[in-house]
N, C-alpha and C. Protein backbone atom coordinates (compact mmCIF):
# COMPACT_ATOMS: atom_id res chain seq x y z
N UNK A 1 78.91 123.90 57.31
CA UNK A 1 79.15 122.49 57.45
C UNK A 1 80.38 122.12 56.64
N UNK A 2 81.01 121.02 57.05
CA UNK A 2 82.18 120.58 56.31
C UNK A 2 82.10 119.08 56.07
N UNK A 3 83.09 118.55 55.37
CA UNK A 3 83.07 117.13 55.00
C UNK A 3 83.20 116.22 56.21
N UNK A 4 83.93 116.67 57.25
CA UNK A 4 84.11 115.85 58.44
C UNK A 4 82.84 115.77 59.28
N UNK A 5 82.04 116.79 59.22
CA UNK A 5 80.83 116.87 60.04
C UNK A 5 79.68 117.29 59.12
N UNK A 6 78.95 116.32 58.55
CA UNK A 6 77.93 116.64 57.55
C UNK A 6 76.71 117.39 58.11
N UNK A 7 76.54 117.39 59.41
CA UNK A 7 75.42 118.11 60.01
C UNK A 7 75.87 118.63 61.38
N UNK A 8 75.11 119.57 61.90
CA UNK A 8 75.41 120.10 63.21
C UNK A 8 74.10 120.38 63.93
N UNK A 9 73.94 119.83 65.11
CA UNK A 9 72.75 120.10 65.92
C UNK A 9 73.07 121.26 66.84
N UNK A 10 72.17 122.21 66.90
CA UNK A 10 72.43 123.38 67.73
C UNK A 10 72.37 123.03 69.21
N UNK A 11 73.16 123.73 69.97
CA UNK A 11 73.19 123.52 71.43
C UNK A 11 71.82 123.82 72.03
N UNK A 12 71.15 124.83 71.49
CA UNK A 12 69.82 125.19 71.98
C UNK A 12 68.83 124.06 71.76
N UNK A 13 68.88 123.44 70.58
CA UNK A 13 67.99 122.31 70.29
C UNK A 13 68.25 121.18 71.26
N UNK A 14 69.51 120.84 71.49
CA UNK A 14 69.84 119.75 72.41
C UNK A 14 69.38 120.04 73.83
N UNK A 15 69.39 121.30 74.22
CA UNK A 15 68.94 121.67 75.57
C UNK A 15 67.44 121.52 75.75
N UNK A 16 66.66 121.70 74.68
CA UNK A 16 65.20 121.64 74.83
C UNK A 16 64.63 120.26 74.50
N UNK A 17 65.39 119.42 73.77
CA UNK A 17 64.89 118.09 73.44
C UNK A 17 64.80 117.23 74.70
N UNK A 18 63.78 116.39 74.73
CA UNK A 18 63.62 115.43 75.81
C UNK A 18 63.19 114.10 75.20
N UNK A 19 63.53 113.04 75.87
CA UNK A 19 63.14 111.71 75.40
C UNK A 19 61.62 111.60 75.42
N UNK A 20 61.01 111.21 74.31
CA UNK A 20 59.55 111.10 74.30
C UNK A 20 59.01 109.94 75.14
N UNK A 21 59.86 108.99 75.49
CA UNK A 21 59.41 107.84 76.27
C UNK A 21 59.38 108.14 77.78
N UNK A 22 60.45 108.78 78.28
CA UNK A 22 60.52 108.99 79.74
C UNK A 22 60.75 110.45 80.12
N UNK A 23 60.86 111.32 79.12
CA UNK A 23 61.09 112.76 79.31
C UNK A 23 62.46 113.08 79.90
N UNK A 24 63.41 112.14 79.78
CA UNK A 24 64.77 112.37 80.26
C UNK A 24 65.55 113.29 79.34
N UNK A 25 66.66 113.79 79.83
CA UNK A 25 67.55 114.64 79.03
C UNK A 25 68.18 113.80 77.93
N UNK A 26 68.61 114.48 76.87
CA UNK A 26 69.18 113.84 75.69
C UNK A 26 70.63 114.28 75.53
N UNK A 27 71.49 113.33 75.14
CA UNK A 27 72.89 113.62 74.85
C UNK A 27 73.19 113.22 73.41
N UNK A 28 73.93 114.05 72.70
CA UNK A 28 74.29 113.78 71.31
C UNK A 28 75.60 113.00 71.27
N UNK A 29 75.59 111.82 70.68
CA UNK A 29 76.79 111.01 70.50
C UNK A 29 77.13 111.10 69.01
N UNK A 30 78.01 112.04 68.67
CA UNK A 30 78.33 112.34 67.28
C UNK A 30 78.90 111.14 66.53
N UNK A 31 79.80 110.41 67.15
CA UNK A 31 80.47 109.29 66.47
C UNK A 31 79.48 108.22 66.01
N UNK A 32 78.38 108.06 66.73
CA UNK A 32 77.38 107.05 66.39
C UNK A 32 76.16 107.63 65.68
N UNK A 33 76.13 108.96 65.52
CA UNK A 33 74.98 109.66 64.95
C UNK A 33 73.69 109.24 65.66
N UNK A 34 73.71 109.39 66.98
CA UNK A 34 72.57 109.03 67.82
C UNK A 34 72.35 110.10 68.88
N UNK A 35 71.10 110.18 69.33
CA UNK A 35 70.76 110.94 70.52
C UNK A 35 70.43 109.91 71.58
N UNK A 36 71.08 110.00 72.72
CA UNK A 36 70.95 109.00 73.75
C UNK A 36 70.22 109.60 74.95
N UNK A 37 69.23 108.87 75.44
CA UNK A 37 68.48 109.31 76.62
C UNK A 37 69.32 109.08 77.87
N UNK A 38 69.43 110.11 78.69
CA UNK A 38 70.15 110.01 79.95
C UNK A 38 69.20 109.70 81.10
N UNK A 39 67.91 109.58 80.79
CA UNK A 39 66.90 109.28 81.80
C UNK A 39 66.83 107.79 82.08
N UNK A 40 65.70 107.35 82.59
CA UNK A 40 65.59 105.95 83.01
C UNK A 40 65.49 104.95 81.88
N UNK A 41 64.99 105.33 80.71
CA UNK A 41 64.79 104.34 79.64
C UNK A 41 66.05 104.07 78.81
N UNK A 42 66.97 105.03 78.71
CA UNK A 42 68.25 104.88 78.00
C UNK A 42 68.12 104.56 76.51
N UNK A 43 66.99 104.93 75.90
CA UNK A 43 66.81 104.67 74.47
C UNK A 43 67.79 105.49 73.65
N UNK A 44 68.08 105.00 72.44
CA UNK A 44 69.02 105.64 71.52
C UNK A 44 68.27 105.97 70.23
N UNK A 45 68.16 107.25 69.93
CA UNK A 45 67.40 107.71 68.77
C UNK A 45 68.35 108.03 67.62
N UNK A 46 68.03 107.56 66.42
CA UNK A 46 68.92 107.79 65.27
C UNK A 46 68.83 109.23 64.76
N UNK A 47 69.88 109.63 64.08
CA UNK A 47 69.90 110.90 63.35
C UNK A 47 70.08 110.52 61.89
N UNK A 48 69.11 110.88 61.06
CA UNK A 48 69.16 110.54 59.63
C UNK A 48 69.20 111.82 58.81
N UNK A 49 70.21 111.93 57.99
CA UNK A 49 70.40 113.12 57.14
C UNK A 49 70.39 114.40 57.96
N UNK A 50 70.97 114.32 59.16
CA UNK A 50 71.06 115.49 60.03
C UNK A 50 69.81 115.80 60.81
N UNK A 51 68.79 114.94 60.72
CA UNK A 51 67.51 115.18 61.40
C UNK A 51 67.30 114.13 62.50
N UNK A 52 67.14 114.56 63.75
CA UNK A 52 66.87 113.60 64.82
C UNK A 52 65.50 112.94 64.62
N UNK A 53 65.48 111.62 64.73
CA UNK A 53 64.23 110.86 64.60
C UNK A 53 63.81 110.48 66.02
N UNK A 54 62.98 111.32 66.61
CA UNK A 54 62.59 111.15 68.01
C UNK A 54 61.27 110.39 68.14
N UNK A 55 61.22 109.24 67.50
CA UNK A 55 60.04 108.38 67.57
C UNK A 55 60.38 107.16 68.42
N UNK A 56 59.54 106.84 69.38
CA UNK A 56 59.80 105.72 70.27
C UNK A 56 59.98 104.42 69.50
N UNK A 57 59.17 104.22 68.46
CA UNK A 57 59.26 102.99 67.67
C UNK A 57 60.56 102.89 66.88
N UNK A 58 61.22 103.99 66.61
CA UNK A 58 62.48 104.00 65.85
C UNK A 58 63.70 103.89 66.76
N UNK A 59 63.51 104.04 68.06
CA UNK A 59 64.63 104.04 69.00
C UNK A 59 65.14 102.63 69.29
N UNK A 60 66.44 102.56 69.57
CA UNK A 60 67.03 101.30 70.01
C UNK A 60 66.88 101.24 71.53
N UNK A 61 66.40 100.11 72.02
CA UNK A 61 66.31 99.92 73.47
C UNK A 61 67.66 99.50 73.99
N UNK A 62 67.97 99.83 75.24
CA UNK A 62 69.27 99.44 75.80
C UNK A 62 69.35 97.93 75.95
N UNK A 63 70.56 97.41 75.79
CA UNK A 63 70.74 95.98 76.01
C UNK A 63 70.75 95.72 77.52
N UNK A 64 70.19 94.60 77.90
CA UNK A 64 70.09 94.31 79.34
C UNK A 64 71.25 93.49 79.84
């Protein structure tokens, strides 16, 4: 790890993660430190201290 990128999520982890709300695929948005659901719910899950917080209650819902 380096100062520009304090954490790194493995490609394998990103391939197996799914949104707990709708089971959609997940995309990592590094600039926002979020995992974004590409499925129907579009929730945005935070990454805290390099750890994805995949809890529905912690996710941001999409703006309508």
